[in-house]
C-alpha atoms as a PDB file:
ATOM      1  CA  MET A   1      -9.744  36.810  57.004  1.00  0.00           C
ATOM      2  CA  PRO A   2     -11.328  34.635  54.319  1.00  0.00           C
ATOM      3  CA  THR A   3      -9.338  36.373  51.618  1.00  0.00           C
ATOM      4  CA  ASN A   4      -6.072  35.680  53.463  1.00  0.00           C
ATOM      5  CA  GLN A   5      -7.063  32.058  53.890  1.00  0.00           C
ATOM      6  CA  LEU A   6      -7.765  31.814  50.160  1.00  0.00           C
ATOM      7  CA  ASP A   7      -4.417  33.426  49.338  1.00  0.00           C
ATOM      8  CA  GLN A   8      -2.542  31.157  51.713  1.00  0.00           C
ATOM      9  CA  ASN A   9      -4.412  27.987  50.693  1.00  0.00           C
ATOM     10  CA  PRO A  10      -4.814  27.774  46.934  1.00  0.00           C
ATOM     11  CA  LEU A  11      -7.329  25.352  45.543  1.00  0.00           C
ATOM     12  CA  PRO A  12      -6.028  21.793  45.854  1.00  0.00           C
ATOM     13  CA  SER A  13      -7.073  20.997  42.278  1.00  0.00           C
ATOM     14  CA  SER A  14      -4.485  23.468  40.938  1.00  0.00           C
ATOM     15  CA  LYS A  15      -1.593  21.626  42.583  1.00  0.00           C
ATOM     16  CA  THR A  16      -2.790  18.119  42.023  1.00  0.00           C
ATOM     17  CA  GLY A  17      -4.046  18.755  38.522  1.00  0.00           C
ATOM     18  CA  THR A  18      -0.899  20.305  37.056  1.00  0.00           C
ATOM     19  CA  PRO A  19       1.337  17.194  37.156  1.00  0.00           C
ATOM     20  CA  ALA A  20      -1.449  15.077  35.697  1.00  0.00           C
ATOM     21  CA  LEU A  21      -1.997  17.555  32.887  1.00  0.00           C
ATOM     22  CA  ALA A  22       1.721  17.758  32.251  1.00  0.00           C
ATOM     23  CA  LYS A  23       1.996  13.962  32.076  1.00  0.00           C
ATOM     24  CA  GLY A  24      -1.002  13.839  29.761  1.00  0.00           C
ATOM     25  CA  ALA A  25       0.555  16.446  27.511  1.00  0.00           C
ATOM     26  CA  GLN A  26       3.863  14.566  27.463  1.00  0.00           C
ATOM     27  CA  LEU A  27       2.076  11.320  26.624  1.00  0.00           C
ATOM     28  CA  GLY A  28       0.109  13.070  23.889  1.00  0.00           C
ATOM     29  CA  ASN A  29       3.284  14.539  22.384  1.00  0.00           C
ATOM     30  CA  LEU A  30       4.922  11.113  22.538  1.00  0.00           C
ATOM     31  CA  LEU A  31       2.037   9.310  20.817  1.00  0.00           C
ATOM     32  CA  ARG A  32       1.114  12.017  18.313  1.00  0.00           C
ATOM     33  CA  PRO A  33       3.540  10.891  15.581  1.00  0.00           C
ATOM     34  CA  PHE A  34       2.152   7.344  15.826  1.00  0.00           C
ATOM     35  CA  LEU A  35      -1.561   8.206  15.935  1.00  0.00           C
ATOM     36  CA  PRO A  36      -2.333   7.159  12.329  1.00  0.00           C
ATOM     37  CA  GLU A  37      -0.682   3.769  12.869  1.00  0.00           C
ATOM     38  CA  VAL A  38      -2.466   3.346  16.206  1.00  0.00           C
ATOM     39  CA  VAL A  39      -5.774   4.035  14.462  1.00  0.00           C
ATOM     40  CA  ALA A  40      -4.930   1.428  11.804  1.00  0.00           C
ATOM     41  CA  VAL A  41      -4.104  -1.170  14.488  1.00  0.00           C
ATOM     42  CA  PHE A  42      -7.365  -0.369  16.313  1.00  0.00           C
ATOM     43  CA  LEU A  43      -9.374  -0.755  13.093  1.00  0.00           C
ATOM     44  CA  LEU A  44      -7.608  -4.049  12.360  1.00  0.00           C
ATOM     45  CA  ILE A  45      -8.645  -5.366  15.772  1.00  0.00           C
ATOM     46  CA  MET A  46     -12.191  -4.185  15.100  1.00  0.00           C
ATOM     47  CA  ALA A  47     -12.127  -5.975  11.740  1.00  0.00           C
ATOM     48  CA  PHE A  48     -11.266  -9.221  13.544  1.00  0.00           C
ATOM     49  CA  VAL A  49     -14.070  -8.655  16.055  1.00  0.00           C
ATOM     50  CA  VAL A  50     -16.642  -7.888  13.359  1.00  0.00           C
ATOM     51  CA  GLY A  51     -15.448 -10.785  11.196  1.00  0.00           C
ATOM     52  CA  GLY A  52     -15.750 -13.161  14.148  1.00  0.00           C
ATOM     53  CA  LEU A  53     -19.302 -11.956  14.782  1.00  0.00           C
ATOM     54  CA  LEU A  54     -20.254 -12.339  11.117  1.00  0.00           C
ATOM     55  CA  SER A  55     -18.996 -15.911  10.887  1.00  0.00           C
ATOM     56  CA  PRO A  56     -17.567 -18.427  13.390  1.00  0.00           C
ATOM     57  CA  PHE A  57     -15.160 -19.642  10.696  1.00  0.00           C
ATOM     58  CA  PHE A  58     -13.471 -16.267  10.243  1.00  0.00           C
ATOM     59  CA  LEU A  59     -11.146 -16.487  13.250  1.00  0.00           C
ATOM     60  CA  ASN A  60      -9.818 -19.902  12.223  1.00  0.00           C
ATOM     61  CA  GLY A  61      -6.004 -19.592  12.017  1.00  0.00           C
ATOM     62  CA  PRO A  62      -5.398 -21.737   8.908  1.00  0.00           C
ATOM     63  CA  PHE A  63      -8.297 -19.998   7.150  1.00  0.00           C
ATOM     64  CA  LEU A  64      -6.863 -16.545   7.887  1.00  0.00           C
ATOM     65  CA  LEU A  65      -3.400 -17.575   6.709  1.00  0.00           C
ATOM     66  CA  ASP A  66      -4.829 -19.040   3.534  1.00  0.00           C
ATOM     67  CA  SER A  67      -6.910 -15.909   2.912  1.00  0.00           C
ATOM     68  CA  THR A  68      -3.763 -13.747   2.852  1.00  0.00           C
ATOM     69  CA  THR A  69      -2.969 -15.195  -0.591  1.00  0.00           C
ATOM     70  CA  LEU A  70      -6.030 -13.354  -1.910  1.00  0.00           C
ATOM     71  CA  PHE A  71      -4.563  -9.929  -1.183  1.00  0.00           C
ATOM     72  CA  THR A  72      -0.798 -10.485  -1.279  1.00  0.00           C
ATOM     73  CA  GLU A  73      -0.564  -8.959  -4.758  1.00  0.00           C
ATOM     74  CA  GLY A  74      -2.189  -5.733  -3.583  1.00  0.00           C
ATOM     75  CA  ALA A  75      -0.021  -5.771  -0.462  1.00  0.00           C
ATOM     76  CA  ILE A  76       3.156  -5.939  -2.557  1.00  0.00           C
ATOM     77  CA  MET A  77       1.998  -3.023  -4.708  1.00  0.00           C
ATOM     78  CA  ALA A  78       1.173  -1.046  -1.553  1.00  0.00           C
ATOM     79  CA  LEU A  79       4.857  -1.127  -0.579  1.00  0.00           C
ATOM     80  CA  GLY A  80       5.792   0.694  -3.780  1.00  0.00           C
ATOM     81  CA  MET A  81       2.808   3.019  -3.467  1.00  0.00           C
ATOM     82  CA  THR A  82       4.062   4.047  -0.025  1.00  0.00           C
ATOM     83  CA  PHE A  83       7.245   5.417  -1.618  1.00  0.00           C
ATOM     84  CA  VAL A  84       5.239   7.157  -4.354  1.00  0.00           C
ATOM     85  CA  ILE A  85       2.798   8.907  -2.004  1.00  0.00           C
ATOM     86  CA  ILE A  86       5.485   9.897   0.508  1.00  0.00           C
ATOM     87  CA  SER A  87       7.299  11.567  -2.391  1.00  0.00           C
ATOM     88  CA  GLY A  88       4.203  13.711  -2.949  1.00  0.00           C
ATOM     89  CA  ASN A  89       2.892  11.816  -5.978  1.00  0.00           C
ATOM     90  CA  ILE A  90       0.313   9.164  -6.858  1.00  0.00           C
ATOM     91  CA  ASP A  91       0.334   6.130  -9.159  1.00  0.00           C
ATOM     92  CA  LEU A  92      -3.091   5.120 -10.453  1.00  0.00           C
ATOM     93  CA  SER A  93      -1.643   2.784 -13.086  1.00  0.00           C
ATOM     94  CA  VAL A  94      -0.307  -0.018 -10.873  1.00  0.00           C
ATOM     95  CA  ALA A  95      -3.173  -2.462 -11.500  1.00  0.00           C
ATOM     96  CA  SER A  96      -3.063  -1.804 -15.259  1.00  0.00           C
ATOM     97  CA  ASN A  97       0.709  -2.288 -15.201  1.00  0.00           C
ATOM     98  CA  LEU A  98       0.118  -5.622 -13.469  1.00  0.00           C
ATOM     99  CA  ALA A  99      -2.389  -6.733 -16.105  1.00  0.00           C
ATOM    100  CA  PHE A 100      -0.284  -5.707 -19.110  1.00  0.00           C
ATOM    101  CA  THR A 101       2.959  -7.259 -17.883  1.00  0.00           C
ATOM    102  CA  ALA A 102       1.094 -10.446 -16.927  1.00  0.00           C
ATOM    103  CA  CYS A 103      -0.401 -10.661 -20.425  1.00  0.00           C
ATOM    104  CA  VAL A 104       2.999 -10.079 -22.053  1.00  0.00           C
ATOM    105  CA  MET A 105       4.532 -12.826 -19.921  1.00  0.00           C
ATOM    106  CA  ALA A 106       1.736 -15.248 -20.849  1.00  0.00           C
ATOM    107  CA  VAL A 107       1.904 -14.463 -24.574  1.00  0.00           C
ATOM    108  CA  LEU A 108       5.676 -14.869 -24.650  1.00  0.00           C
ATOM    109  CA  HIS A 109       5.513 -18.298 -23.039  1.00  0.00           C
ATOM    110  CA  VAL A 110       2.312 -19.780 -24.479  1.00  0.00           C
ATOM    111  CA  GLN A 111       2.339 -18.345 -28.008  1.00  0.00           C
ATOM    112  CA  TYR A 112       6.058 -17.853 -28.650  1.00  0.00           C
ATOM    113  CA  ASN A 113       7.484 -20.708 -26.541  1.00  0.00           C
ATOM    114  CA  VAL A 114       9.780 -18.428 -24.549  1.00  0.00           C
ATOM    115  CA  PRO A 115      10.999 -20.307 -21.441  1.00  0.00           C
ATOM    116  CA  MET A 116       8.898 -19.381 -18.417  1.00  0.00           C
ATOM    117  CA  GLU A 117      11.908 -18.135 -16.468  1.00  0.00           C
ATOM    118  CA  ALA A 118      12.842 -15.749 -19.282  1.00  0.00           C
ATOM    119  CA  ALA A 119       9.228 -14.606 -19.685  1.00  0.00           C
ATOM    120  CA  ILE A 120       9.087 -13.749 -15.979  1.00  0.00           C
ATOM    121  CA  LEU A 121      12.295 -11.700 -16.170  1.00  0.00           C
ATOM    122  CA  ILE A 122      11.019  -9.858 -19.253  1.00  0.00           C
ATOM    123  CA  ALA A 123       7.735  -9.084 -17.472  1.00  0.00           C
ATOM    124  CA  LEU A 124       9.585  -7.703 -14.438  1.00  0.00           C
ATOM    125  CA  ALA A 125      11.829  -5.568 -16.648  1.00  0.00           C
ATOM    126  CA  LEU A 126       8.823  -4.312 -18.622  1.00  0.00           C
ATOM    127  CA  GLY A 127       6.926  -3.375 -15.470  1.00  0.00           C
ATOM    128  CA  THR A 128       9.959  -1.448 -14.231  1.00  0.00           C
ATOM    129  CA  LEU A 129      10.218   0.414 -17.553  1.00  0.00           C
ATOM    130  CA  LEU A 130       6.502   1.253 -17.534  1.00  0.00           C
ATOM    131  CA  GLY A 131       6.864   2.685 -14.037  1.00  0.00           C
ATOM    132  CA  ALA A 132       9.996   4.609 -15.038  1.00  0.00           C
ATOM    133  CA  PHE A 133       8.067   5.981 -18.037  1.00  0.00           C
ATOM    134  CA  ASN A 134       5.482   7.403 -15.633  1.00  0.00           C
ATOM    135  CA  GLY A 135       8.275   8.927 -13.585  1.00  0.00           C
ATOM    136  CA  TRP A 136       9.977  10.391 -16.669  1.00  0.00           C
ATOM    137  CA  LEU A 137       6.776  12.102 -17.831  1.00  0.00           C
ATOM    138  CA  ILE A 138       6.226  13.532 -14.354  1.00  0.00           C
ATOM    139  CA  ALA A 139       9.829  14.527 -13.631  1.00  0.00           C
ATOM    140  CA  ARG A 140      11.118  15.679 -17.016  1.00  0.00           C
ATOM    141  CA  LEU A 141       7.969  17.132 -18.565  1.00  0.00           C
ATOM    142  CA  ARG A 142       6.693  18.489 -15.232  1.00  0.00           C
ATOM    143  CA  LEU A 143       3.274  16.889 -15.736  1.00  0.00           C
ATOM    144  CA  PRO A 144       1.016  16.215 -12.723  1.00  0.00           C
ATOM    145  CA  ALA A 145       1.237  12.639 -11.457  1.00  0.00           C
ATOM    146  CA  LEU A 146      -2.537  12.330 -11.200  1.00  0.00           C
ATOM    147  CA  ALA A 147      -3.050  13.145 -14.897  1.00  0.00           C
ATOM    148  CA  VAL A 148      -0.119  11.034 -16.115  1.00  0.00           C
ATOM    149  CA  THR A 149      -0.986   7.889 -14.207  1.00  0.00           C
ATOM    150  CA  LEU A 150      -4.688   8.253 -14.980  1.00  0.00           C
ATOM    151  CA  ALA A 151      -3.719   8.265 -18.667  1.00  0.00           C
ATOM    152  CA  THR A 152      -1.368   5.295 -18.333  1.00  0.00           C
ATOM    153  CA  LEU A 153      -4.021   3.456 -16.310  1.00  0.00           C
ATOM    154  CA  ALA A 154      -6.127   3.463 -19.474  1.00  0.00           C
ATOM    155  CA  LEU A 155      -3.125   3.000 -21.798  1.00  0.00           C
ATOM    156  CA  TYR A 156      -1.635  -0.069 -20.101  1.00  0.00           C
ATOM    157  CA  ARG A 157      -5.035  -1.713 -19.619  1.00  0.00           C
ATOM    158  CA  GLY A 158      -5.874  -0.951 -23.243  1.00  0.00           C
ATOM    159  CA  MET A 159      -2.634  -2.543 -24.459  1.00  0.00           C
ATOM    160  CA  ALA A 160      -3.429  -5.646 -22.400  1.00  0.00           C
ATOM    161  CA  SER A 161      -6.851  -5.772 -24.044  1.00  0.00           C
ATOM    162  CA  ILE A 162      -5.298  -5.430 -27.514  1.00  0.00           C
ATOM    163  CA  LEU A 163      -2.855  -8.221 -26.700  1.00  0.00           C
ATOM    164  CA  LEU A 164      -5.387 -10.798 -25.494  1.00  0.00           C
ATOM    165  CA  GLY A 165      -8.825  -9.381 -26.197  1.00  0.00           C
ATOM    166  CA  ASP A 166     -11.487 -11.492 -24.502  1.00  0.00           C
ATOM    167  CA  HIS A 167      -9.283 -14.566 -24.559  1.00  0.00           C
ATOM    168  CA  SER A 168      -7.291 -16.011 -21.693  1.00  0.00           C
ATOM    169  CA  LEU A 169      -4.061 -17.991 -21.592  1.00  0.00           C
ATOM    170  CA  SER A 170      -3.512 -20.787 -19.106  1.00  0.00           C
ATOM    171  CA  ASP A 171      -0.964 -23.274 -20.447  1.00  0.00           C
ATOM    172  CA  PHE A 172       1.732 -22.719 -17.817  1.00  0.00           C
ATOM    173  CA  PRO A 173       4.335 -25.129 -16.410  1.00  0.00           C
ATOM    174  CA  THR A 174       3.354 -27.192 -13.382  1.00  0.00           C
ATOM    175  CA  TRP A 175       6.124 -25.669 -11.262  1.00  0.00           C
ATOM    176  CA  PHE A 176       4.843 -22.147 -11.978  1.00  0.00           C
ATOM    177  CA  ALA A 177       1.099 -22.519 -11.349  1.00  0.00           C
ATOM    178  CA  GLY A 178      -0.380 -22.643  -7.853  1.00  0.00           C
ATOM    179  CA  VAL A 179       2.014 -20.503  -5.815  1.00  0.00           C
ATOM    180  CA  ASP A 180      -0.803 -19.932  -3.305  1.00  0.00           C
ATOM    181  CA  GLN A 181      -0.697 -23.640  -2.463  1.00  0.00           C
ATOM    182  CA  VAL A 182       2.979 -23.553  -1.512  1.00  0.00           C
ATOM    183  CA  VAL A 183       3.516 -23.248   2.237  1.00  0.00           C
ATOM    184  CA  ILE A 184       6.501 -23.319   4.554  1.00  0.00           C
ATOM    185  CA  PRO A 185       7.115 -26.962   5.581  1.00  0.00           C
ATOM    186  CA  HIS A 186       5.342 -28.018   8.801  1.00  0.00           C
ATOM    187  CA  THR A 187       3.350 -24.765   8.862  1.00  0.00           C
ATOM    188  CA  ASN A 188       0.344 -23.229   7.116  1.00  0.00           C
ATOM    189  CA  ILE A 189       2.251 -20.048   6.246  1.00  0.00           C
ATOM    190  CA  PRO A 190       2.063 -19.339   2.489  1.00  0.00           C
ATOM    191  CA  VAL A 191       5.308 -18.581   0.675  1.00  0.00           C
ATOM    192  CA  GLU A 192       3.624 -15.475  -0.768  1.00  0.00           C
ATOM    193  CA  LEU A 193       3.212 -14.055   2.731  1.00  0.00           C
ATOM    194  CA  ILE A 194       6.876 -14.672   3.571  1.00  0.00           C
ATOM    195  CA  LEU A 195       7.913 -12.947   0.337  1.00  0.00           C
ATOM    196  CA  PHE A 196       5.753  -9.952   1.242  1.00  0.00           C
ATOM    197  CA  PHE A 197       7.316  -9.626   4.695  1.00  0.00           C
ATOM    198  CA  ILE A 198      10.847  -9.919   3.247  1.00  0.00           C
ATOM    199  CA  LEU A 199      10.071  -7.144   0.770  1.00  0.00           C
ATOM    200  CA  ALA A 200       8.499  -5.033   3.532  1.00  0.00           C
ATOM    201  CA  ILE A 201      11.615  -5.349   5.715  1.00  0.00           C
ATOM    202  CA  ILE A 202      13.997  -4.525   2.852  1.00  0.00           C
ATOM    203  CA  LEU A 203      11.975  -1.559   1.616  1.00  0.00           C
ATOM    204  CA  GLY A 204      11.382  -0.362   5.178  1.00  0.00           C
ATOM    205  CA  LEU A 205      15.125  -0.260   5.757  1.00  0.00           C
ATOM    206  CA  ILE A 206      15.654   1.581   2.465  1.00  0.00           C
ATOM    207  CA  LEU A 207      12.940   4.120   3.263  1.00  0.00           C
ATOM    208  CA  HIS A 208      13.921   4.803   6.873  1.00  0.00           C
ATOM    209  CA  LYS A 209      17.650   4.057   7.060  1.00  0.00           C
ATOM    210  CA  THR A 210      19.200   5.259   3.796  1.00  0.00           C
ATOM    211  CA  VAL A 211      19.995   8.562   2.122  1.00  0.00           C
ATOM    212  CA  PHE A 212      17.600   7.700  -0.691  1.00  0.00           C
ATOM    213  CA  GLY A 213      14.785   7.296   1.821  1.00  0.00           C
ATOM    214  CA  ARG A 214      15.537  10.720   3.291  1.00  0.00           C
ATOM    215  CA  TRP A 215      15.446  12.141  -0.235  1.00  0.00           C
ATOM    216  CA  VAL A 216      11.983  10.638  -0.757  1.00  0.00           C
ATOM    217  CA  PHE A 217      10.697  12.277   2.433  1.00  0.00           C
ATOM    218  CA  ALA A 218      12.334  15.591   1.530  1.00  0.00           C
ATOM    219  CA  LEU A 219      10.763  15.509  -1.913  1.00  0.00           C
ATOM    220  CA  GLY A 220       7.308  15.009  -0.437  1.00  0.00           C
ATOM    221  CA  THR A 221       7.804  17.711   2.172  1.00  0.00           C
ATOM    222  CA  SER A 222       8.843  20.409  -0.319  1.00  0.00           C
ATOM    223  CA  GLU A 223      10.030  19.730  -3.854  1.00  0.00           C
ATOM    224  CA  ASP A 224      11.484  23.221  -4.220  1.00  0.00           C
ATOM    225  CA  ALA A 225      13.414  22.944  -0.963  1.00  0.00           C
ATOM    226  CA  ALA A 226      14.664  19.501  -1.987  1.00  0.00           C
ATOM    227  CA  ARG A 227      15.882  20.857  -5.315  1.00  0.00           C
ATOM    228  CA  TYR A 228      17.670  23.799  -3.675  1.00  0.00           C
ATOM    229  CA  SER A 229      19.277  21.355  -1.227  1.00  0.00           C
ATOM    230  CA  GLY A 230      20.972  19.548  -4.091  1.00  0.00           C
ATOM    231  CA  ILE A 231      18.721  16.476  -4.099  1.00  0.00           C
ATOM    232  CA  PRO A 232      18.409  14.960  -7.612  1.00  0.00           C
ATOM    233  CA  VAL A 233      14.641  15.437  -7.675  1.00  0.00           C
ATOM    234  CA  SER A 234      14.037  14.061 -11.183  1.00  0.00           C
ATOM    235  CA  ARG A 235      16.067  10.921 -10.586  1.00  0.00           C
ATOM    236  CA  VAL A 236      14.352  10.259  -7.264  1.00  0.00           C
ATOM    237  CA  LYS A 237      10.932  10.529  -8.914  1.00  0.00           C
ATOM    238  CA  ILE A 238      11.898   8.186 -11.738  1.00  0.00           C
ATOM    239  CA  VAL A 239      13.370   5.622  -9.341  1.00  0.00           C
ATOM    240  CA  VAL A 240      10.312   5.762  -7.084  1.00  0.00           C
ATOM    241  CA  PHE A 241       7.941   5.141  -9.998  1.00  0.00           C
ATOM    242  CA  ALA A 242      10.245   2.454 -11.423  1.00  0.00           C
ATOM    243  CA  LEU A 243      10.079   0.690  -8.049  1.00  0.00           C
ATOM    244  CA  SER A 244       6.291   0.908  -8.111  1.00  0.00           C
ATOM    245  CA  GLY A 245       6.277  -0.548 -11.631  1.00  0.00           C
ATOM    246  CA  PHE A 246       8.616  -3.400 -10.688  1.00  0.00           C
ATOM    247  CA  LEU A 247       6.450  -4.377  -7.713  1.00  0.00           C
ATOM    248  CA  ALA A 248       3.314  -4.197  -9.885  1.00  0.00           C
ATOM    249  CA  ALA A 249       4.909  -6.594 -12.380  1.00  0.00           C
ATOM    250  CA  LEU A 250       5.999  -8.904  -9.547  1.00  0.00           C
ATOM    251  CA  ALA A 251       2.431  -8.878  -8.247  1.00  0.00           C
ATOM    252  CA  GLY A 252       1.291  -9.761 -11.764  1.00  0.00           C
ATOM    253  CA  VAL A 253       3.580 -12.791 -11.894  1.00  0.00           C
ATOM    254  CA  ILE A 254       2.234 -13.972  -8.536  1.00  0.00           C
ATOM    255  CA  MET A 255      -1.386 -13.387  -9.550  1.00  0.00           C
ATOM    256  CA  VAL A 256      -1.035 -15.365 -12.781  1.00  0.00           C
ATOM    257  CA  SER A 257       0.584 -18.197 -10.824  1.00  0.00           C
ATOM    258  CA  ARG A 258      -2.217 -18.142  -8.237  1.00  0.00           C
ATOM    259  CA  LEU A 259      -5.044 -18.055 -10.773  1.00  0.00           C
ATOM    260  CA  ALA A 260      -3.193 -20.141 -13.407  1.00  0.00           C
ATOM    261  CA  VAL A 261      -4.638 -17.833 -16.059  1.00  0.00           C
ATOM    262  CA  ALA A 262      -3.790 -14.505 -17.682  1.00  0.00           C
ATOM    263  CA  ARG A 263      -6.472 -12.054 -18.813  1.00  0.00           C
ATOM    264  CA  TYR A 264      -6.525  -8.374 -19.687  1.00  0.00           C
ATOM    265  CA  ASP A 265      -8.852  -7.582 -16.764  1.00  0.00           C
ATOM    266  CA  LEU A 266      -6.616  -8.962 -14.013  1.00  0.00           C
ATOM    267  CA  ALA A 267      -6.623  -6.811 -10.855  1.00  0.00           C
ATOM    268  CA  ASN A 268      -9.269  -4.513 -12.292  1.00  0.00           C
ATOM    269  CA  GLY A 269      -9.898  -1.799  -9.679  1.00  0.00           C
ATOM    270  CA  LEU A 270      -7.205  -3.095  -7.316  1.00  0.00           C
ATOM    271  CA  GLU A 271      -5.502   0.311  -7.282  1.00  0.00           C
ATOM    272  CA  LEU A 272      -8.340   1.494  -5.008  1.00  0.00           C
ATOM    273  CA  ASP A 273      -7.439  -1.076  -2.342  1.00  0.00           C
ATOM    274  CA  VAL A 274      -3.736  -0.260  -2.685  1.00  0.00           C
ATOM    275  CA  ILE A 275      -4.141   3.490  -2.247  1.00  0.00           C
ATOM    276  CA  THR A 276      -6.665   3.007   0.567  1.00  0.00           C
ATOM    277  CA  ALA A 277      -4.264   0.778   2.491  1.00  0.00           C
ATOM    278  CA  VAL A 278      -1.333   3.184   2.148  1.00  0.00           C
ATOM    279  CA  VAL A 279      -3.287   6.279   3.215  1.00  0.00           C
ATOM    280  CA  LEU A 280      -5.106   4.384   5.969  1.00  0.00           C
ATOM    281  CA  GLY A 281      -1.701   3.242   7.241  1.00  0.00           C
ATOM    282  CA  GLY A 282      -0.731   6.815   8.050  1.00  0.00           C
ATOM    283  CA  THR A 283       0.975   7.975   4.858  1.00  0.00           C
ATOM    284  CA  ASN A 284       0.108  11.619   4.293  1.00  0.00           C
ATOM    285  CA  ILE A 285      -1.795  11.932   1.006  1.00  0.00           C
ATOM    286  CA  TYR A 286       0.065  15.208   0.403  1.00  0.00           C
ATOM    287  CA  GLY A 287       3.476  13.581   0.870  1.00  0.00           C
ATOM    288  CA  GLY A 288       6.302  13.953   3.344  1.00  0.00           C
ATOM    289  CA  ARG A 289       5.048  11.511   5.964  1.00  0.00           C
ATOM    290  CA  GLY A 290       4.497   7.765   6.195  1.00  0.00           C
ATOM    291  CA  ASN A 291       6.123   4.445   6.964  1.00  0.00           C
ATOM    292  CA  ILE A 292       6.130   0.863   5.759  1.00  0.00           C
ATOM    293  CA  PHE A 293       4.835  -0.501   9.075  1.00  0.00           C
ATOM    294  CA  GLY A 294       1.618   1.493   8.815  1.00  0.00           C
ATOM    295  CA  SER A 295       1.071   0.318   5.238  1.00  0.00           C
ATOM    296  CA  VAL A 296       1.600  -3.318   6.281  1.00  0.00           C
ATOM    297  CA  ILE A 297      -0.974  -3.016   9.068  1.00  0.00           C
ATOM    298  CA  ALA A 298      -3.493  -1.315   6.789  1.00  0.00           C
ATOM    299  CA  VAL A 299      -2.967  -3.895   4.023  1.00  0.00           C
ATOM    300  CA  PHE A 300      -4.090  -6.610   6.421  1.00  0.00           C
ATOM    301  CA  LEU A 301      -6.944  -4.397   7.589  1.00  0.00           C
ATOM    302  CA  VAL A 302      -8.338  -3.974   4.070  1.00  0.00           C
ATOM    303  CA  GLY A 303      -7.604  -7.592   3.136  1.00  0.00           C
ATOM    304  CA  PHE A 304      -9.208  -9.164   6.202  1.00  0.00           C
ATOM    305  CA  LEU A 305     -12.121  -6.731   5.966  1.00  0.00           C
ATOM    306  CA  ARG A 306     -12.819  -7.964   2.426  1.00  0.00           C
ATOM    307  CA  THR A 307     -12.393 -11.561   3.613  1.00  0.00           C
ATOM    308  CA  GLY A 308     -14.867 -11.062   6.445  1.00  0.00           C
ATOM    309  CA  LEU A 309     -17.391  -9.429   4.144  1.00  0.00           C
ATOM    310  CA  GLY A 310     -16.941 -12.260   1.668  1.00  0.00           C
ATOM    311  CA  VAL A 311     -17.554 -14.889   4.357  1.00  0.00           C
ATOM    312  CA  ALA A 312     -20.736 -12.980   5.247  1.00  0.00           C
ATOM    313  CA  ASN A 313     -21.815 -13.196   1.565  1.00  0.00           C
ATOM    314  CA  VAL A 314     -21.562  -9.447   1.015  1.00  0.00           C
ATOM    315  CA  SER A 315     -21.462  -8.756  -2.727  1.00  0.00           C
ATOM    316  CA  ALA A 316     -18.335  -7.452  -4.445  1.00  0.00           C
ATOM    317  CA  GLN A 317     -20.109  -4.176  -5.240  1.00  0.00           C
ATOM    318  CA  ASN A 318     -20.949  -3.599  -1.587  1.00  0.00           C
ATOM    319  CA  GLN A 319     -17.384  -4.500  -0.607  1.00  0.00           C
ATOM    320  CA  LEU A 320     -16.192  -1.834  -3.049  1.00  0.00           C
ATOM    321  CA  ALA A 321     -18.471   0.689  -1.363  1.00  0.00           C
ATOM    322  CA  VAL A 322     -16.962  -0.202   2.027  1.00  0.00           C
ATOM    323  CA  VAL A 323     -13.416   0.214   0.718  1.00  0.00           C
ATOM    324  CA  GLY A 324     -14.376   3.537  -0.882  1.00  0.00           C
ATOM    325  CA  THR A 325     -15.778   4.713   2.440  1.00  0.00           C
ATOM    326  CA  LEU A 326     -12.552   3.660   4.137  1.00  0.00           C
ATOM    327  CA  LEU A 327     -10.578   5.698   1.605  1.00  0.00           C
ATOM    328  CA  ILE A 328     -12.638   8.803   2.377  1.00  0.00           C
ATOM    329  CA  ILE A 329     -12.088   8.254   6.108  1.00  0.00           C
ATOM    330  CA  ALA A 330      -8.371   7.721   5.484  1.00  0.00           C
ATOM    331  CA  VAL A 331      -8.021  10.968   3.521  1.00  0.00           C
ATOM    332  CA  ILE A 332      -9.914  12.926   6.194  1.00  0.00           C
ATOM    333  CA  ALA A 333      -7.743  11.358   8.914  1.00  0.00           C
ATOM    334  CA  SER A 334      -4.582  12.103   6.923  1.00  0.00           C
ATOM    335  CA  ASN A 335      -5.585  15.739   6.583  1.00  0.00           C
ATOM    336  CA  PHE A 336      -6.422  15.947  10.299  1.00  0.00           C
ATOM    337  CA  PHE A 337      -3.109  14.423  11.435  1.00  0.00           C
ATOM    338  CA  ASN A 338      -1.251  16.697   9.022  1.00  0.00           C
ATOM    339  CA  ARG A 339      -2.823  19.806  10.548  1.00  0.00           C
ATOM    340  CA  VAL A 340      -2.170  18.568  14.082  1.00  0.00           C
ATOM    341  CA  SER A 341       1.485  17.890  13.322  1.00  0.00           C
ATOM    342  CA  ARG A 342       1.914  21.357  11.807  1.00  0.00           C
ATOM    343  CA  GLN A 343       0.282  23.047  14.804  1.00  0.00           C
ATOM    344  CA  HIS A 344       2.483  21.192  17.267  1.00  0.00           C
ATOM    345  CA  GLY A 345       5.587  20.957  15.090  1.00  0.00           C
END
């Protein structure tokens, strides 16, 4: 009978399809945690393709290496921002911190004859204290990070303006100016780029291989649960923001060396690129998820995208619009991956 034949011979697609579906599901489960980083890598490749189409000079190796010096400062700040956002917070003041500490360093050396080495150390210490101040306001006074760092964004930039006004300082030692011209011997690799990778490796190990790193993730996942688990929540917040402040000050030192000038408007608006890179690299905007590798990939994505647009004579305003669009896409993607992970977690 036909019915018996159907019962005895099930549809071939059921047998053959099940293993394929199972393998697909296993592959999907395996790749799901890395989807944001995979997207960032794909977009980076697309940026190279588009840049090559816009200009034949874009894919020149020495040119690309040299162009990294234009966004190394933002890349360094993105490392600290990764810690901040994973902890469930945000730091909008990093670029203002950079400008203020750079101005203080310049004033100390040029106007008060403080040795350059000492001025650099003071600037780094000041940047760390400014970051810790953000963390103290957020941790001890229980103020929202968005409001605090928005206020200090204006405060630190305002203090830089008071310090220098419309003037600029540029009388720096020969050994200090022009760090972007220093390359590894027999290569075209800038020293700035090597410093960035060293910092990325160190901070990546701290974030992913230490107890402190686990505390940062726990804080971003659930602050209440972290507190009940005995994690020193306030101290972790302060340290995370202090780290962000230190890296902002370090970026300021590098930027002044590269430009050979200090002004109050240094890095104006750079916090947008920094936050975009971190979120685009897979760090969950709500906290609790992220990694240094994704931020590194996204830093180069944003940096090379700006470089390609610049080579194509796209105005700075239009470049800003592109970066803003990327940030919106990154936030939407972050929200999507967060929902997917919760549904399958």
